[in-house]
Amino acid sequence: MAFKEKIDTDKLPRHIAVIMDGNGRWAKGLGKLRIFGHQNGVKAVRATLEATIEIGVPYLTLYAFSSENWNRPKKEVQALMTLLINSLNKELDTLHKHDIRLNAIGQLDDLPANCRTTLFNAMEATRNHTKCTLTLALSYGSRKEIIHATKAIAEKVKAGTLDVEDITEEEFAKHLYTHDIPDPDLMIRTSGEYRISNYLLWQLAYCELWFTDKMWPEFEKEDLFEAVCSYQKRERRFGKTGDQTD
């Protein structure tokens, strides 16, 4: 039986986050340039988004470009920015067709001007779509996000608009880039690496993690369905005992 047929649609994760890893290594294994891997990774993005929509998961977040990725060779970074622009332009009709809202988190001001323009135009064009929210983490680093939130709260305390006693987890979360989307329930990472690489550190506190040895360009719909099946077999206790959650 295919994994999709095993999925209980009443117990779906509300939000799936993905670390799309292995593009460069996959290309190198084929004797190709790293950008070849990134180009083929776009196919996996499309398959993952389609699979998410098919089963009815309303939030999908993809780690597309980390703040540390700026340290990669200049030519590779330029190629990635060009690929981002081309992909956004090419897939805009798909976003409209499937009622998908495009969102982005990270230090977006660090993106080249043409990338920001294309990204913000696509976000504006899809802002009223409601079936699924696709969030791209771009120039994103979770530690910087947490520092950004801390500074914003400190400024409010300094200005007298927020009391120290009122700084709760809920208040802190309001200052994160992800303030308008729920925390992930399931995080998927490809390429056989077992770490979260400065990705959504606050938001992943109670997230279920699923890893695969497949490189990102090899990732298919059935892989996402397998991850969801694994998620549905787990007991999510959130600090409680198993008896309390029954």
C-alpha atoms as a PDB file:
ATOM      1  CA  MET A   1       0.000   0.000   0.000  1.00  0.00           C
ATOM      2  CA  ALA A   2       1.310   3.434  -0.918  1.00  0.00           C
ATOM      3  CA  PHE A   3       2.075   5.756   1.969  1.00  0.00           C
ATOM      4  CA  LYS A   4      -0.526   8.255   0.818  1.00  0.00           C
ATOM      5  CA  GLU A   5      -3.252   5.645   1.275  1.00  0.00           C
ATOM      6  CA  LYS A   6      -2.135   5.070   4.875  1.00  0.00           C
ATOM      7  CA  ILE A   7      -2.484   8.727   5.897  1.00  0.00           C
ATOM      8  CA  ASP A   8      -5.231   9.606   8.356  1.00  0.00           C
ATOM      9  CA  THR A   9      -6.478  12.970   7.107  1.00  0.00           C
ATOM     10  CA  ASP A  10      -7.940  13.679  10.562  1.00  0.00           C
ATOM     11  CA  LYS A  11      -4.467  13.632  12.132  1.00  0.00           C
ATOM     12  CA  LEU A  12      -2.439  15.725   9.723  1.00  0.00           C
ATOM     13  CA  PRO A  13       0.368  18.021  10.832  1.00  0.00           C
ATOM     14  CA  ARG A  14      -0.831  21.577  10.522  1.00  0.00           C
ATOM     15  CA  HIS A  15       2.597  22.847   9.503  1.00  0.00           C
ATOM     16  CA  ILE A  16       5.500  21.036   7.813  1.00  0.00           C
ATOM     17  CA  ALA A  17       8.971  22.594   7.718  1.00  0.00           C
ATOM     18  CA  VAL A  18      11.704  21.309   5.408  1.00  0.00           C
ATOM     19  CA  ILE A  19      15.488  21.630   5.265  1.00  0.00           C
ATOM     20  CA  MET A  20      16.187  21.066   1.574  1.00  0.00           C
ATOM     21  CA  ASP A  21      19.723  19.670   1.800  1.00  0.00           C
ATOM     22  CA  GLY A  22      22.008  17.853  -0.627  1.00  0.00           C
ATOM     23  CA  ASN A  23      21.681  19.725  -3.930  1.00  0.00           C
ATOM     24  CA  GLY A  24      25.414  20.309  -4.311  1.00  0.00           C
ATOM     25  CA  ARG A  25      26.476  16.817  -3.260  1.00  0.00           C
ATOM     26  CA  TRP A  26      23.908  15.264  -5.591  1.00  0.00           C
ATOM     27  CA  ALA A  27      25.243  17.277  -8.525  1.00  0.00           C
ATOM     28  CA  LYS A  28      28.862  16.515  -7.616  1.00  0.00           C
ATOM     29  CA  GLY A  29      28.049  12.806  -7.575  1.00  0.00           C
ATOM     30  CA  LEU A  30      26.924  13.154 -11.188  1.00  0.00           C
ATOM     31  CA  GLY A  31      30.017  15.108 -12.168  1.00  0.00           C
ATOM     32  CA  LYS A  32      27.997  18.316 -12.523  1.00  0.00           C
ATOM     33  CA  LEU A  33      28.324  21.829 -11.117  1.00  0.00           C
ATOM     34  CA  ARG A  34      26.541  22.592  -7.845  1.00  0.00           C
ATOM     35  CA  ILE A  35      24.033  24.884  -9.569  1.00  0.00           C
ATOM     36  CA  PHE A  36      22.811  21.855 -11.535  1.00  0.00           C
ATOM     37  CA  GLY A  37      21.713  20.398  -8.217  1.00  0.00           C
ATOM     38  CA  HIS A  38      19.925  23.579  -7.208  1.00  0.00           C
ATOM     39  CA  GLN A  39      18.124  23.702 -10.554  1.00  0.00           C
ATOM     40  CA  ASN A  40      16.912  20.139 -10.121  1.00  0.00           C
ATOM     41  CA  GLY A  41      15.962  20.864  -6.532  1.00  0.00           C
ATOM     42  CA  VAL A  42      13.184  23.099  -7.874  1.00  0.00           C
ATOM     43  CA  LYS A  43      11.426  19.939  -9.078  1.00  0.00           C
ATOM     44  CA  ALA A  44      11.455  18.596  -5.527  1.00  0.00           C
ATOM     45  CA  VAL A  45       9.993  21.877  -4.281  1.00  0.00           C
ATOM     46  CA  ARG A  46       7.141  21.523  -6.734  1.00  0.00           C
ATOM     47  CA  ALA A  47       6.530  17.880  -5.771  1.00  0.00           C
ATOM     48  CA  THR A  48       6.574  18.713  -2.057  1.00  0.00           C
ATOM     49  CA  LEU A  49       4.144  21.583  -2.473  1.00  0.00           C
ATOM     50  CA  GLU A  50       1.801  19.448  -4.582  1.00  0.00           C
ATOM     51  CA  ALA A  51       1.905  16.639  -2.009  1.00  0.00           C
ATOM     52  CA  THR A  52       1.194  19.084   0.806  1.00  0.00           C
ATOM     53  CA  ILE A  53      -1.859  20.396  -1.034  1.00  0.00           C
ATOM     54  CA  GLU A  54      -3.098  16.933  -1.980  1.00  0.00           C
ATOM     55  CA  ILE A  55      -3.419  15.791   1.632  1.00  0.00           C
ATOM     56  CA  GLY A  56      -4.564  19.148   2.982  1.00  0.00           C
ATOM     57  CA  VAL A  57      -1.664  20.488   5.081  1.00  0.00           C
ATOM     58  CA  PRO A  58      -2.223  24.269   5.317  1.00  0.00           C
ATOM     59  CA  TYR A  59       1.340  25.449   6.065  1.00  0.00           C
ATOM     60  CA  LEU A  60       4.644  24.562   4.421  1.00  0.00           C
ATOM     61  CA  THR A  61       7.956  26.288   5.171  1.00  0.00           C
ATOM     62  CA  LEU A  62      11.104  25.674   3.126  1.00  0.00           C
ATOM     63  CA  TYR A  63      14.637  26.575   4.215  1.00  0.00           C
ATOM     64  CA  ALA A  64      15.695  28.059   0.889  1.00  0.00           C
ATOM     65  CA  PHE A  65      18.752  30.172   1.771  1.00  0.00           C
ATOM     66  CA  SER A  66      20.369  30.587   5.170  1.00  0.00           C
ATOM     67  CA  SER A  67      22.156  33.673   6.474  1.00  0.00           C
ATOM     68  CA  GLU A  68      25.327  31.566   6.437  1.00  0.00           C
ATOM     69  CA  ASN A  69      24.870  30.757   2.734  1.00  0.00           C
ATOM     70  CA  TRP A  70      26.114  34.241   1.859  1.00  0.00           C
ATOM     71  CA  ASN A  71      29.595  32.844   2.593  1.00  0.00           C
ATOM     72  CA  ARG A  72      29.389  30.492  -0.382  1.00  0.00           C
ATOM     73  CA  PRO A  73      31.310  31.296  -3.612  1.00  0.00           C
ATOM     74  CA  LYS A  74      30.022  34.507  -5.196  1.00  0.00           C
ATOM     75  CA  LYS A  75      29.082  32.808  -8.470  1.00  0.00           C
ATOM     76  CA  GLU A  76      26.974  30.216  -6.680  1.00  0.00           C
ATOM     77  CA  VAL A  77      25.160  32.879  -4.651  1.00  0.00           C
ATOM     78  CA  GLN A  78      24.444  34.899  -7.795  1.00  0.00           C
ATOM     79  CA  ALA A  79      23.163  31.780  -9.541  1.00  0.00           C
ATOM     80  CA  LEU A  80      20.876  31.006  -6.588  1.00  0.00           C
ATOM     81  CA  MET A  81      19.426  34.517  -6.612  1.00  0.00           C
ATOM     82  CA  THR A  82      18.771  34.238 -10.345  1.00  0.00           C
ATOM     83  CA  LEU A  83      17.160  30.846  -9.816  1.00  0.00           C
ATOM     84  CA  LEU A  84      14.939  32.335  -7.114  1.00  0.00           C
ATOM     85  CA  ILE A  85      13.724  35.100  -9.431  1.00  0.00           C
ATOM     86  CA  ASN A  86      13.079  32.726 -12.318  1.00  0.00           C
ATOM     87  CA  SER A  87      11.267  30.218 -10.103  1.00  0.00           C
ATOM     88  CA  LEU A  88       9.001  32.869  -8.578  1.00  0.00           C
ATOM     89  CA  ASN A  89       8.064  34.199 -12.005  1.00  0.00           C
ATOM     90  CA  LYS A  90       7.512  30.725 -13.422  1.00  0.00           C
ATOM     91  CA  GLU A  91       5.450  29.385 -10.517  1.00  0.00           C
ATOM     92  CA  LEU A  92       3.199  32.393  -9.888  1.00  0.00           C
ATOM     93  CA  ASP A  93       0.407  30.922 -12.017  1.00  0.00           C
ATOM     94  CA  THR A  94       0.658  27.694  -9.999  1.00  0.00           C
ATOM     95  CA  LEU A  95       0.271  29.641  -6.758  1.00  0.00           C
ATOM     96  CA  HIS A  96      -2.859  31.303  -8.115  1.00  0.00           C
ATOM     97  CA  LYS A  97      -4.256  28.042  -9.480  1.00  0.00           C
ATOM     98  CA  HIS A  98      -3.963  26.229  -6.158  1.00  0.00           C
ATOM     99  CA  ASP A  99      -4.942  29.174  -3.921  1.00  0.00           C
ATOM    100  CA  ILE A 100      -1.485  29.353  -2.282  1.00  0.00           C
ATOM    101  CA  ARG A 101      -0.295  32.379  -0.346  1.00  0.00           C
ATOM    102  CA  LEU A 102       3.421  33.087  -0.646  1.00  0.00           C
ATOM    103  CA  ASN A 103       5.195  34.256   2.485  1.00  0.00           C
ATOM    104  CA  ALA A 104       8.854  34.874   3.341  1.00  0.00           C
ATOM    105  CA  ILE A 105      10.889  35.107   6.553  1.00  0.00           C
ATOM    106  CA  GLY A 106      14.459  36.150   7.226  1.00  0.00           C
ATOM    107  CA  GLN A 107      16.636  39.201   6.750  1.00  0.00           C
ATOM    108  CA  LEU A 108      14.965  40.032   3.473  1.00  0.00           C
ATOM    109  CA  ASP A 109      16.697  43.399   3.183  1.00  0.00           C
ATOM    110  CA  ASP A 110      19.920  41.492   2.495  1.00  0.00           C
ATOM    111  CA  LEU A 111      18.519  40.089  -0.756  1.00  0.00           C
ATOM    112  CA  PRO A 112      19.476  41.829  -4.013  1.00  0.00           C
ATOM    113  CA  ALA A 113      16.997  44.532  -5.028  1.00  0.00           C
ATOM    114  CA  ASN A 114      15.648  42.593  -8.024  1.00  0.00           C
ATOM    115  CA  CYS A 115      15.061  39.539  -5.831  1.00  0.00           C
ATOM    116  CA  ARG A 116      13.203  41.576  -3.223  1.00  0.00           C
ATOM    117  CA  THR A 117      11.021  43.197  -5.888  1.00  0.00           C
ATOM    118  CA  THR A 118      10.089  39.866  -7.474  1.00  0.00           C
ATOM    119  CA  LEU A 119       9.477  38.268  -4.082  1.00  0.00           C
ATOM    120  CA  PHE A 120       7.349  41.097  -2.686  1.00  0.00           C
ATOM    121  CA  ASN A 121       5.321  41.320  -5.901  1.00  0.00           C
ATOM    122  CA  ALA A 122       4.526  37.600  -5.704  1.00  0.00           C
ATOM    123  CA  MET A 123       3.626  37.904  -2.025  1.00  0.00           C
ATOM    124  CA  GLU A 124       1.317  40.826  -2.732  1.00  0.00           C
ATOM    125  CA  ALA A 125      -0.299  39.045  -5.680  1.00  0.00           C
ATOM    126  CA  THR A 126      -1.129  35.983  -3.554  1.00  0.00           C
ATOM    127  CA  ARG A 127      -1.876  37.607  -0.187  1.00  0.00           C
ATOM    128  CA  ASN A 128      -5.592  36.767  -0.310  1.00  0.00           C
ATOM    129  CA  HIS A 129      -5.121  33.051  -1.069  1.00  0.00           C
ATOM    130  CA  THR A 130      -6.196  30.755   1.747  1.00  0.00           C
ATOM    131  CA  LYS A 131      -5.720  27.058   0.916  1.00  0.00           C
ATOM    132  CA  CYS A 132      -2.048  26.857   1.824  1.00  0.00           C
ATOM    133  CA  THR A 133       0.679  29.234   3.008  1.00  0.00           C
ATOM    134  CA  LEU A 134       4.075  28.561   1.460  1.00  0.00           C
ATOM    135  CA  THR A 135       6.823  30.288   3.432  1.00  0.00           C
ATOM    136  CA  LEU A 136      10.337  30.664   2.062  1.00  0.00           C
ATOM    137  CA  ALA A 137      13.097  31.131   4.649  1.00  0.00           C
ATOM    138  CA  LEU A 138      15.538  33.434   2.842  1.00  0.00           C
ATOM    139  CA  SER A 139      18.706  34.920   4.317  1.00  0.00           C
ATOM    140  CA  TYR A 140      17.351  33.257   7.431  1.00  0.00           C
ATOM    141  CA  GLY A 141      19.148  32.383  10.650  1.00  0.00           C
ATOM    142  CA  SER A 142      17.246  31.475  13.794  1.00  0.00           C
ATOM    143  CA  ARG A 143      19.744  32.942  16.249  1.00  0.00           C
ATOM    144  CA  LYS A 144      19.535  36.286  14.452  1.00  0.00           C
ATOM    145  CA  GLU A 145      15.752  36.010  14.501  1.00  0.00           C
ATOM    146  CA  ILE A 146      15.781  35.471  18.275  1.00  0.00           C
ATOM    147  CA  ILE A 147      18.161  38.411  18.797  1.00  0.00           C
ATOM    148  CA  HIS A 148      15.912  40.568  16.586  1.00  0.00           C
ATOM    149  CA  ALA A 149      12.897  39.640  18.716  1.00  0.00           C
ATOM    150  CA  THR A 150      14.815  40.276  21.948  1.00  0.00           C
ATOM    151  CA  LYS A 151      15.867  43.742  20.796  1.00  0.00           C
ATOM    152  CA  ALA A 152      12.304  44.608  19.760  1.00  0.00           C
ATOM    153  CA  ILE A 153      10.997  43.599  23.179  1.00  0.00           C
ATOM    154  CA  ALA A 154      13.817  45.484  24.917  1.00  0.00           C
ATOM    155  CA  GLU A 155      12.883  48.628  23.001  1.00  0.00           C
ATOM    156  CA  LYS A 156       9.275  48.287  24.183  1.00  0.00           C
ATOM    157  CA  VAL A 157      10.389  47.875  27.785  1.00  0.00           C
ATOM    158  CA  LYS A 158      12.700  50.882  27.426  1.00  0.00           C
ATOM    159  CA  ALA A 159       9.861  52.965  25.986  1.00  0.00           C
ATOM    160  CA  GLY A 160       7.552  51.903  28.791  1.00  0.00           C
ATOM    161  CA  THR A 161       5.017  50.209  26.534  1.00  0.00           C
ATOM    162  CA  LEU A 162       5.729  46.710  27.887  1.00  0.00           C
ATOM    163  CA  ASP A 163       6.372  45.592  31.457  1.00  0.00           C
ATOM    164  CA  VAL A 164       9.072  43.004  32.129  1.00  0.00           C
ATOM    165  CA  GLU A 165       6.487  40.885  33.971  1.00  0.00           C
ATOM    166  CA  ASP A 166       4.447  40.685  30.756  1.00  0.00           C
ATOM    167  CA  ILE A 167       7.227  39.044  28.719  1.00  0.00           C
ATOM    168  CA  THR A 168       5.782  35.577  28.203  1.00  0.00           C
ATOM    169  CA  GLU A 169       6.398  32.880  25.607  1.00  0.00           C
ATOM    170  CA  GLU A 170       3.340  34.133  23.756  1.00  0.00           C
ATOM    171  CA  GLU A 171       4.588  37.725  23.820  1.00  0.00           C
ATOM    172  CA  PHE A 172       8.045  36.685  22.647  1.00  0.00           C
ATOM    173  CA  ALA A 173       6.593  34.652  19.768  1.00  0.00           C
ATOM    174  CA  LYS A 174       4.749  37.746  18.543  1.00  0.00           C
ATOM    175  CA  HIS A 175       8.118  39.310  17.708  1.00  0.00           C
ATOM    176  CA  LEU A 176       9.479  36.393  15.664  1.00  0.00           C
ATOM    177  CA  TYR A 177       9.424  36.375  11.855  1.00  0.00           C
ATOM    178  CA  THR A 178       6.854  33.561  12.100  1.00  0.00           C
ATOM    179  CA  HIS A 179       4.399  35.496  14.271  1.00  0.00           C
ATOM    180  CA  ASP A 180       1.544  34.983  11.793  1.00  0.00           C
ATOM    181  CA  ILE A 181       1.938  31.234  11.229  1.00  0.00           C
ATOM    182  CA  PRO A 182       1.741  28.273  13.662  1.00  0.00           C
ATOM    183  CA  ASP A 183       4.843  26.437  14.854  1.00  0.00           C
ATOM    184  CA  PRO A 184       5.787  23.383  12.748  1.00  0.00           C
ATOM    185  CA  ASP A 185       4.501  19.971  13.816  1.00  0.00           C
ATOM    186  CA  LEU A 186       6.842  18.057  11.503  1.00  0.00           C
ATOM    187  CA  MET A 187      10.324  18.940  10.264  1.00  0.00           C
ATOM    188  CA  ILE A 188      11.882  17.026   7.367  1.00  0.00           C
ATOM    189  CA  ARG A 189      15.580  17.084   6.468  1.00  0.00           C
ATOM    190  CA  THR A 190      17.115  15.384   3.452  1.00  0.00           C
ATOM    191  CA  SER A 191      20.670  14.200   2.602  1.00  0.00           C
ATOM    192  CA  GLY A 192      21.373  12.062   5.657  1.00  0.00           C
ATOM    193  CA  GLU A 193      22.413  14.930   7.925  1.00  0.00           C
ATOM    194  CA  TYR A 194      21.005  14.858  11.473  1.00  0.00           C
ATOM    195  CA  ARG A 195      20.994  18.461  12.620  1.00  0.00           C
ATOM    196  CA  ILE A 196      18.692  21.480  12.372  1.00  0.00           C
ATOM    197  CA  SER A 197      21.300  24.009  11.195  1.00  0.00           C
ATOM    198  CA  ASN A 198      20.058  27.182  12.901  1.00  0.00           C
ATOM    199  CA  TYR A 199      16.543  26.643  11.538  1.00  0.00           C
ATOM    200  CA  LEU A 200      13.464  27.692  13.529  1.00  0.00           C
ATOM    201  CA  LEU A 201      15.144  26.966  16.886  1.00  0.00           C
ATOM    202  CA  TRP A 202      12.314  28.447  18.961  1.00  0.00           C
ATOM    203  CA  GLN A 203       9.536  27.098  16.764  1.00  0.00           C
ATOM    204  CA  LEU A 204      10.829  23.495  16.651  1.00  0.00           C
ATOM    205  CA  ALA A 205      10.681  23.065  20.437  1.00  0.00           C
ATOM    206  CA  TYR A 206       8.023  20.326  20.269  1.00  0.00           C
ATOM    207  CA  CYS A 207       8.281  19.429  16.594  1.00  0.00           C
ATOM    208  CA  GLU A 208       8.617  15.857  15.343  1.00  0.00           C
ATOM    209  CA  LEU A 209      11.797  15.377  13.283  1.00  0.00           C
ATOM    210  CA  TRP A 210      12.118  13.084  10.264  1.00  0.00           C
ATOM    211  CA  PHE A 211      15.334  12.459   8.350  1.00  0.00           C
ATOM    212  CA  THR A 212      16.054  10.746   5.050  1.00  0.00           C
ATOM    213  CA  ASP A 213      19.268   9.814   3.260  1.00  0.00           C
ATOM    214  CA  LYS A 214      17.818  11.012  -0.033  1.00  0.00           C
ATOM    215  CA  MET A 215      19.357  14.136  -1.510  1.00  0.00           C
ATOM    216  CA  TRP A 216      16.906  16.970  -2.059  1.00  0.00           C
ATOM    217  CA  PRO A 217      16.686  16.616  -5.879  1.00  0.00           C
ATOM    218  CA  GLU A 218      15.643  12.983  -5.294  1.00  0.00           C
ATOM    219  CA  PHE A 219      12.827  13.863  -2.892  1.00  0.00           C
ATOM    220  CA  GLU A 220       9.368  12.900  -4.200  1.00  0.00           C
ATOM    221  CA  LYS A 221       5.750  13.101  -3.124  1.00  0.00           C
ATOM    222  CA  GLU A 222       5.845   9.600  -1.658  1.00  0.00           C
ATOM    223  CA  ASP A 223       8.715  10.657   0.594  1.00  0.00           C
ATOM    224  CA  LEU A 224       6.597  13.418   2.095  1.00  0.00           C
ATOM    225  CA  PHE A 225       3.719  10.988   2.528  1.00  0.00           C
ATOM    226  CA  GLU A 226       6.095   8.563   4.295  1.00  0.00           C
ATOM    227  CA  ALA A 227       7.195  11.344   6.650  1.00  0.00           C
ATOM    228  CA  VAL A 228       3.568  12.157   7.480  1.00  0.00           C
ATOM    229  CA  CYS A 229       2.837   8.470   8.146  1.00  0.00           C
ATOM    230  CA  SER A 230       5.800   8.365  10.535  1.00  0.00           C
ATOM    231  CA  TYR A 231       4.534  11.506  12.247  1.00  0.00           C
ATOM    232  CA  GLN A 232       1.092   9.963  12.747  1.00  0.00           C
ATOM    233  CA  LYS A 233       2.571   6.927  14.516  1.00  0.00           C
ATOM    234  CA  ARG A 234       4.236   9.064  17.176  1.00  0.00           C
ATOM    235  CA  GLU A 235       2.776  10.009  20.541  1.00  0.00           C
ATOM    236  CA  ARG A 236       3.030  13.766  21.038  1.00  0.00           C
ATOM    237  CA  ARG A 237       2.979  14.380  24.795  1.00  0.00           C
ATOM    238  CA  PHE A 238       4.246  17.986  25.115  1.00  0.00           C
ATOM    239  CA  GLY A 239       5.765  17.197  28.512  1.00  0.00           C
ATOM    240  CA  LYS A 240       2.776  15.189  29.764  1.00  0.00           C
ATOM    241  CA  THR A 241       2.601  11.437  30.387  1.00  0.00           C
ATOM    242  CA  GLY A 242       1.159   9.049  27.841  1.00  0.00           C
ATOM    243  CA  ASP A 243      -1.884   8.496  30.075  1.00  0.00           C
ATOM    244  CA  GLN A 244      -2.611  12.225  30.135  1.00  0.00           C
ATOM    245  CA  THR A 245      -2.680  12.458  26.354  1.00  0.00           C
ATOM    246  CA  ASP A 246      -4.887   9.405  25.756  1.00  0.00           C
END
